Amino acid sequence: MASQFPDDFKCPISLEIMSDPVILSSGHTFDRSSIQRWLDAGHRTCPVTKLPLPEHPTLIPNHALRSLISNYTLLSPPKPQPNAEPKTLIATLTSPSSPVESKLKSLDQLNKLSKRNTSFRRRITEYGAVSAALNCAGSNDPNLQEKSLALLLNLSLDDDNKVGLVAEGAIGRIIDALRGGSMDCRAVAATMLTSLAVVEVNKATIGAYPSAIRALVSLLVEGKGRERKEAATALYALCSFPDNRRRAVECGAVPILIRIADLGLERAIEVLGLLAKCKEGREEMAKFNGFVSIFVRVLKYGSSRCVQHALLTLNLVCCYSEEICLEARNVGVLEICLGFMDDGNEKIRKNASTLIQALKSKQSVG
């Protein structure tokens, strides 16, 4: 079964499809369980490059790849058509005389082949697939726009293409689709930004682009399940860059994310955890009526990952606002945190301990 997936989806250690891909400081991605076993065995070198790692390596969630894997649909292996050479397919996309139907068929074939084959992606990139797809992405035809964005997303699977896509003007096209495309187009556009944001320099470039973060915040409001999840995932990727946190807060992301978190979108809690790291974000959270009660529900009923981020966020906001700290104590957050001290998750125990200290510290001062 795994052989039907692209090689990029497989862990270099287990050779199985990754369920929780994380990035090592060497830049390579592994399934969390596999690389954790490697590190727990005492290894402090990258399994791929053999280069040395820090004593306490950081594992960064690769949300872009995880989203691509979860959204990936198994298709029967494509059978190349007699006249479907890559150069011919790309020429169809670039020709002004090509009818829309022909361009759609060419994009279908390019998408099927580029999903699975790294060498094919490199070939069509050399043949000019990026500029051809970007040109189609500017079309008024929603189907043509969506399929061309899907091709660009496939091409962005290769790290070498992530900077190249930005250099060729991909961000402008993506944001145009994010603002004015169909809901499906907007979801793909958000996923595209997540993929590009894997490269650190792209986070700053995307964030500084007019309307980029505002368009993602708008998608949180106007979208439904899939669109909201992709928008929140993109914000999470971008807001690891500090300047983007302030931009997101200025665009009104905090109250929207809190409401969506209350509806059960886990990624919203994770984004709030990043926004709480800036003063502007903590201010907005402290002003939101019902902030503490919503986060208490997350602590009681959320997944381990949600609880971990909720504890972190509450700690940051309680340290900022005595009023929030008092409310948190009054509704039993201290008792909930004490219950987490026996949790099997080390990060939950650590974050709960930090929040306990903050609550007790404010209490003694008061």
Protein backbone atom coordinates (compact mmCIF):
# COMPACT_ATOMS: atom_id res chain seq x y z
CA MET A 1 0.00 0.00 0.00
CA ALA A 2 2.78 2.42 0.95
CA SER A 3 4.38 2.01 -2.46
CA GLN A 4 1.46 3.91 -4.00
CA PHE A 5 2.41 7.07 -2.11
CA PRO A 6 5.15 9.52 -3.12
CA ASP A 7 8.57 8.75 -1.64
CA ASP A 8 8.45 12.16 0.10
CA PHE A 9 5.67 10.82 2.35
CA LYS A 10 7.86 7.95 3.69
CA CYS A 11 10.07 8.15 6.75
CA PRO A 12 13.76 7.64 5.84
CA ILE A 13 14.13 5.36 8.88
CA SER A 14 11.04 3.14 8.78
CA LEU A 15 10.28 3.58 5.04
CA GLU A 16 6.61 3.72 6.07
CA ILE A 17 4.13 6.54 5.44
CA MET A 18 4.60 9.18 8.15
CA SER A 19 1.72 9.79 10.56
CA ASP A 20 3.44 12.60 12.53
CA PRO A 21 6.24 14.10 10.39
CA VAL A 22 8.77 16.28 12.21
CA ILE A 23 11.79 18.23 10.97
CA LEU A 24 15.21 17.67 12.51
CA SER A 25 17.74 20.52 12.72
CA SER A 26 19.54 18.91 9.76
CA GLY A 27 16.54 19.89 7.64
CA HIS A 28 15.34 16.33 7.02
CA THR A 29 11.89 15.09 7.94
CA PHE A 30 11.15 11.87 9.86
CA ASP A 31 8.17 10.23 11.50
CA ARG A 32 8.19 11.35 15.13
CA SER A 33 8.12 7.83 16.61
CA SER A 34 11.03 6.65 14.44
CA ILE A 35 13.36 9.60 15.06
CA GLN A 36 12.46 9.61 18.77
CA ARG A 37 13.53 5.96 19.03
CA TRP A 38 16.76 6.88 17.23
CA LEU A 39 17.43 9.71 19.70
CA ASP A 40 16.37 7.65 22.73
CA ALA A 41 18.96 5.07 21.70
CA GLY A 42 21.60 7.74 22.31
CA HIS A 43 22.32 8.72 18.70
CA ARG A 44 23.22 12.39 18.18
CA THR A 45 23.72 12.37 14.42
CA CYS A 46 21.21 12.82 11.60
CA PRO A 47 20.29 9.35 10.23
CA VAL A 48 20.47 10.73 6.67
CA THR A 49 23.41 13.16 6.62
CA LYS A 50 25.34 11.67 9.58
CA LEU A 51 26.04 15.25 10.70
CA PRO A 52 26.16 15.92 14.47
CA LEU A 53 23.02 17.10 16.29
CA PRO A 54 22.63 19.19 19.47
CA GLU A 55 22.57 17.33 22.78
CA HIS A 56 18.81 18.01 23.05
CA PRO A 57 17.55 18.06 19.43
CA THR A 58 14.35 19.96 18.69
CA LEU A 59 11.67 18.20 16.64
CA ILE A 60 9.60 20.72 14.67
CA PRO A 61 6.18 19.52 13.41
CA ASN A 62 6.07 19.51 9.59
CA HIS A 63 2.44 20.63 9.31
CA ALA A 64 2.72 21.20 5.56
CA LEU A 65 3.69 17.60 4.87
CA ARG A 66 1.24 16.22 7.41
CA SER A 67 -1.59 18.12 5.73
CA LEU A 68 -0.54 16.88 2.29
CA ILE A 69 -0.44 13.26 3.50
CA SER A 70 -3.84 13.50 5.20
CA ASN A 71 -5.44 15.07 2.12
CA TYR A 72 -3.79 12.65 -0.30
CA THR A 73 -6.14 10.40 -2.22
CA LEU A 74 -4.98 7.06 -3.55
CA LEU A 75 -5.46 6.85 -7.28
CA SER A 76 -4.73 3.99 -9.66
CA PRO A 77 -1.25 4.33 -11.20
CA PRO A 78 -1.52 6.73 -14.15
CA LYS A 79 -0.96 5.33 -17.60
CA PRO A 80 0.89 7.77 -19.85
CA GLN A 81 -0.98 8.60 -23.03
CA PRO A 82 0.88 8.24 -26.36
CA ASN A 83 1.24 12.00 -26.92
CA ALA A 84 1.39 13.05 -23.28
CA GLU A 85 5.08 13.97 -23.06
CA PRO A 86 5.77 16.52 -20.31
CA LYS A 87 6.98 19.16 -22.76
CA THR A 88 3.80 18.73 -24.78
CA LEU A 89 1.61 19.04 -21.71
CA ILE A 90 3.37 22.22 -20.60
CA ALA A 91 3.24 23.66 -24.12
CA THR A 92 -0.54 23.18 -24.02
CA LEU A 93 -0.68 25.24 -20.85
CA THR A 94 1.40 28.09 -22.26
CA SER A 95 -0.22 28.30 -25.70
CA PRO A 96 -2.76 31.16 -26.00
CA SER A 97 -4.66 29.12 -28.59
CA SER A 98 -5.17 26.08 -26.34
CA PRO A 99 -8.82 25.68 -25.27
CA VAL A 100 -9.56 25.51 -21.56
CA GLU A 101 -10.59 21.86 -21.83
CA SER A 102 -7.18 20.90 -23.23
CA LYS A 103 -5.42 22.80 -20.46
CA LEU A 104 -7.53 21.03 -17.83
CA LYS A 105 -6.61 17.62 -19.27
CA SER A 106 -2.92 18.55 -19.33
CA LEU A 107 -3.09 19.70 -15.72
CA ASP A 108 -4.82 16.46 -14.72
CA GLN A 109 -1.99 14.40 -16.19
CA LEU A 110 0.74 16.61 -14.75
CA ASN A 111 -0.90 16.48 -11.31
CA LYS A 112 -1.22 12.69 -11.29
CA LEU A 113 2.39 12.18 -12.32
CA SER A 114 3.91 14.89 -10.13
CA LYS A 115 2.22 13.60 -6.97
CA ARG A 116 4.27 10.43 -6.96
CA ASN A 117 7.49 11.05 -8.77
CA THR A 118 10.27 13.31 -7.51
CA SER A 119 12.29 13.01 -10.72
CA PHE A 120 9.20 13.89 -12.78
CA ARG A 121 8.68 17.03 -10.69
CA ARG A 122 12.26 18.06 -11.34
CA ARG A 123 11.90 17.43 -15.06
CA ILE A 124 8.76 19.49 -15.49
CA THR A 125 10.24 22.26 -13.36
CA GLU A 126 13.15 22.44 -15.80
CA TYR A 127 10.64 22.52 -18.68
CA GLY A 128 8.93 25.62 -17.25
CA ALA A 129 6.02 24.08 -15.33
CA VAL A 130 6.13 26.74 -12.61
CA SER A 131 5.59 29.73 -14.90
CA ALA A 132 2.99 27.80 -16.92
CA ALA A 133 1.02 26.88 -13.78
CA LEU A 134 1.29 30.41 -12.39
CA ASN A 135 -0.14 31.76 -15.63
CA CYS A 136 -3.10 29.36 -15.42
CA ALA A 137 -3.59 30.22 -11.74
CA GLY A 138 -4.47 33.74 -12.84
CA SER A 139 -7.36 32.45 -14.94
CA ASN A 140 -10.97 33.40 -14.23
CA ASP A 141 -11.96 29.76 -14.75
CA PRO A 142 -12.27 28.23 -11.24
CA ASN A 143 -11.42 24.69 -12.40
CA LEU A 144 -8.31 25.86 -14.23
CA GLN A 145 -7.28 27.93 -11.22
CA GLU A 146 -7.75 25.07 -8.75
CA LYS A 147 -5.89 22.47 -10.86
CA SER A 148 -2.97 24.82 -11.50
CA LEU A 149 -2.70 25.59 -7.77
CA ALA A 150 -2.70 21.84 -7.11
CA LEU A 151 0.21 21.44 -9.54
CA LEU A 152 2.13 24.23 -7.82
CA LEU A 153 1.47 22.51 -4.49
CA ASN A 154 2.90 19.26 -5.84
CA LEU A 155 5.97 21.07 -7.14
CA SER A 156 6.49 22.69 -3.73
CA LEU A 157 6.99 19.22 -2.21
CA ASP A 158 10.61 19.54 -3.30
CA ASP A 159 12.51 21.87 -0.97
CA ASP A 160 14.57 23.23 -3.86
CA ASN A 161 11.38 24.55 -5.42
CA LYS A 162 10.09 26.38 -2.34
CA VAL A 163 12.39 29.38 -2.76
CA GLY A 164 12.19 29.20 -6.56
CA LEU A 165 8.40 29.41 -6.50
CA VAL A 166 8.55 32.57 -4.40
CA ALA A 167 11.18 34.05 -6.72
CA GLU A 168 8.90 33.45 -9.72
CA GLY A 169 6.03 35.35 -8.11
CA ALA A 170 3.97 32.49 -6.71
CA ILE A 171 2.91 34.36 -3.57
CA GLY A 172 0.96 36.98 -5.50
CA ARG A 173 -1.01 34.36 -7.42
CA ILE A 174 -1.63 32.33 -4.29
CA ILE A 175 -2.97 35.32 -2.38
CA ASP A 176 -5.19 36.32 -5.30
CA ALA A 177 -6.71 32.83 -5.15
CA LEU A 178 -6.92 33.02 -1.36
CA ARG A 179 -8.90 36.24 -1.56
CA GLY A 180 -11.13 35.71 -4.56
CA GLY A 181 -11.16 32.04 -5.53
CA SER A 182 -13.72 29.32 -4.85
CA MET A 183 -13.63 27.72 -1.41
CA ASP A 184 -11.70 24.75 -2.83
CA CYS A 185 -9.17 27.12 -4.41
CA ARG A 186 -8.81 29.05 -1.19
CA ALA A 187 -8.16 25.85 0.77
CA VAL A 188 -5.45 24.76 -1.69
CA ALA A 189 -3.94 28.27 -1.63
CA ALA A 190 -3.72 28.14 2.17
CA THR A 191 -2.04 24.72 2.01
CA MET A 192 0.38 26.16 -0.54
CA LEU A 193 1.41 28.92 1.88
CA THR A 194 1.96 26.27 4.58
CA SER A 195 4.22 24.34 2.24
CA LEU A 196 6.26 27.40 1.25
CA ALA A 197 6.57 28.50 4.89
CA VAL A 198 8.66 25.41 5.68
CA VAL A 199 11.58 27.54 4.44
CA GLU A 200 12.32 30.14 7.13
CA VAL A 201 13.03 33.05 4.77
CA ASN A 202 9.67 32.51 3.07
CA LYS A 203 7.81 33.13 6.34
CA ALA A 204 9.04 36.73 6.40
CA THR A 205 8.40 37.21 2.68
CA ILE A 206 4.84 35.89 2.85
CA GLY A 207 4.01 37.81 6.02
CA ALA A 208 5.23 41.09 4.56
CA TYR A 209 3.12 40.59 1.44
CA PRO A 210 0.03 42.85 1.49
CA SER A 211 -3.15 40.98 2.44
CA ALA A 212 -1.48 37.57 2.96
CA ILE A 213 -2.27 37.10 6.65
CA ARG A 214 -5.50 39.11 6.40
CA ALA A 215 -6.70 36.73 3.67
CA LEU A 216 -6.01 33.72 5.91
CA VAL A 217 -7.92 35.33 8.78
CA SER A 218 -10.84 36.01 6.42
CA LEU A 219 -10.83 32.34 5.41
CA LEU A 220 -11.15 31.39 9.08
CA VAL A 221 -14.37 33.40 9.18
CA GLU A 222 -15.84 32.55 5.80
CA GLY A 223 -14.69 28.94 5.42
CA LYS A 224 -15.99 25.71 6.90
CA GLY A 225 -14.19 22.62 8.18
CA ARG A 226 -11.49 22.05 5.58
CA GLU A 227 -10.93 25.72 4.75
CA ARG A 228 -10.66 26.72 8.41
CA LYS A 229 -8.22 23.93 9.16
CA GLU A 230 -5.95 24.84 6.22
CA ALA A 231 -6.09 28.56 7.11
CA ALA A 232 -5.21 27.84 10.75
CA THR A 233 -2.40 25.50 9.70
CA ALA A 234 -0.94 28.20 7.44
CA LEU A 235 -1.14 30.76 10.26
CA TYR A 236 0.61 28.33 12.59
CA ALA A 237 3.45 27.89 10.08
CA LEU A 238 3.78 31.63 9.44
CA CYS A 239 3.47 32.79 13.06
CA SER A 240 6.56 30.97 14.21
CA PHE A 241 8.14 34.14 12.75
CA PRO A 242 7.63 36.86 15.44
CA ASP A 243 6.66 39.75 13.12
CA ASN A 244 3.82 37.67 11.70
CA ARG A 245 2.30 37.22 15.16
CA ARG A 246 1.73 40.95 15.45
CA ARG A 247 0.35 41.07 11.91
CA ALA A 248 -2.13 38.31 12.70
CA VAL A 249 -3.28 40.09 15.87
CA GLU A 250 -3.71 43.35 13.96
CA CYS A 251 -5.90 41.50 11.44
CA GLY A 252 -8.26 40.42 14.24
CA ALA A 253 -7.16 36.79 14.44
CA VAL A 254 -7.36 36.37 18.23
CA PRO A 255 -11.15 36.59 18.85
CA ILE A 256 -11.83 34.56 15.70
CA LEU A 257 -9.42 31.81 16.76
CA ILE A 258 -10.85 31.70 20.29
CA ARG A 259 -14.38 31.21 18.92
CA ILE A 260 -13.20 28.53 16.49
CA ALA A 261 -11.25 26.81 19.27
CA ASP A 262 -14.47 26.62 21.24
CA LEU A 263 -16.02 24.82 18.24
CA GLY A 264 -13.32 22.16 18.45
CA LEU A 265 -10.67 23.15 15.89
CA GLU A 266 -7.45 21.99 17.57
CA ARG A 267 -5.15 23.94 15.29
CA ALA A 268 -6.73 27.18 16.54
CA ILE A 269 -5.40 26.45 20.05
CA GLU A 270 -1.92 25.93 18.64
CA VAL A 271 -2.01 29.27 16.79
CA LEU A 272 -3.21 31.05 19.93
CA GLY A 273 -0.22 29.57 21.74
CA LEU A 274 2.06 31.37 19.29
CA LEU A 275 0.11 34.64 19.37
CA ALA A 276 0.27 34.67 23.18
CA LYS A 277 4.03 35.05 22.85
CA CYS A 278 3.59 38.68 21.76
CA LYS A 279 2.23 41.44 24.01
CA GLU A 280 -0.47 42.41 21.50
CA GLY A 281 -1.77 38.86 21.43
CA ARG A 282 -1.95 38.59 25.22
CA GLU A 283 -3.82 41.90 25.37
CA GLU A 284 -6.48 40.67 22.96
CA MET A 285 -6.89 37.37 24.79
CA ALA A 286 -7.25 39.11 28.14
CA LYS A 287 -9.99 41.34 26.68
CA PHE A 288 -12.03 38.45 25.25
CA ASN A 289 -15.09 37.72 27.36
CA GLY A 290 -15.10 34.01 28.16
CA PHE A 291 -11.44 33.36 27.31
CA VAL A 292 -10.72 31.46 30.53
CA SER A 293 -13.90 29.35 30.45
CA ILE A 294 -13.20 28.27 26.86
CA PHE A 295 -9.66 27.23 27.75
CA VAL A 296 -10.89 25.37 30.81
CA ARG A 297 -13.09 23.29 28.51
CA VAL A 298 -10.05 22.56 26.37
CA LEU A 299 -8.12 21.44 29.46
CA LYS A 300 -10.97 19.12 30.47
CA TYR A 301 -11.95 17.65 27.12
CA GLY A 302 -9.18 18.44 24.59
CA SER A 303 -6.57 16.11 23.11
CA SER A 304 -3.11 15.89 24.69
CA ARG A 305 -1.71 18.25 22.09
CA CYS A 306 -4.49 20.79 22.72
CA VAL A 307 -4.01 20.59 26.48
CA GLN A 308 -0.29 21.16 26.07
CA HIS A 309 -0.83 24.36 24.05
CA ALA A 310 -3.74 25.54 26.21
CA LEU A 311 -1.58 25.33 29.35
CA LEU A 312 1.18 27.29 27.64
CA THR A 313 -1.25 29.98 26.48
CA LEU A 314 -2.96 30.31 29.85
CA ASN A 315 0.41 30.67 31.57
CA LEU A 316 1.47 33.50 29.25
CA VAL A 317 -1.83 35.36 29.63
CA CYS A 318 -2.02 34.81 33.42
CA CYS A 319 1.51 36.23 33.80
CA TYR A 320 0.38 39.25 31.79
CA SER A 321 -3.00 39.89 33.43
CA GLU A 322 -3.76 39.66 37.15
CA GLU A 323 -7.46 39.76 36.33
CA ILE A 324 -7.19 36.66 34.11
CA CYS A 325 -5.05 34.96 36.74
CA LEU A 326 -7.69 35.60 39.42
CA GLU A 327 -10.45 34.31 37.17
CA ALA A 328 -8.41 31.19 36.37
CA ARG A 329 -7.94 30.44 40.08
CA ASN A 330 -11.64 31.04 40.78
CA VAL A 331 -12.78 28.53 38.16
CA GLY A 332 -10.43 25.81 39.35
CA VAL A 333 -7.52 25.94 36.91
CA LEU A 334 -5.05 25.35 39.74
CA GLU A 335 -6.79 22.10 40.72
CA ILE A 336 -6.92 20.98 37.08
CA CYS A 337 -3.18 21.62 36.73
CA LEU A 338 -2.42 19.65 39.89
CA GLY A 339 -4.26 16.74 38.30
CA PHE A 340 -1.98 16.97 35.27
CA MET A 341 1.14 16.44 37.39
CA ASP A 342 0.61 12.67 37.08
CA ASP A 343 0.01 12.82 33.32
CA GLY A 344 2.13 10.54 31.15
CA ASN A 345 2.95 13.39 28.75
CA GLU A 346 6.13 15.17 29.87
CA LYS A 347 5.25 18.43 28.10
CA ILE A 348 1.84 18.55 29.76
CA ARG A 349 3.44 18.02 33.18
CA LYS A 350 6.02 20.72 32.49
CA ASN A 351 3.46 23.28 31.23
CA ALA A 352 1.08 22.48 34.09
CA SER A 353 3.90 22.98 36.61
CA THR A 354 4.78 26.36 35.10
CA LEU A 355 1.15 27.49 35.22
CA ILE A 356 0.83 26.32 38.84
CA GLN A 357 3.81 28.49 39.76
CA ALA A 358 2.28 31.49 37.99
CA LEU A 359 -1.09 31.05 39.71
CA LYS A 360 0.49 30.62 43.16
CA SER A 361 2.87 33.52 42.58
CA LYS A 362 0.03 35.91 41.71
CA GLN A 363 -1.96 34.59 44.68
CA SER A 364 0.86 35.30 47.14
CA VAL A 365 1.37 38.77 45.67
CA GLY A 366 -2.34 39.47 45.94
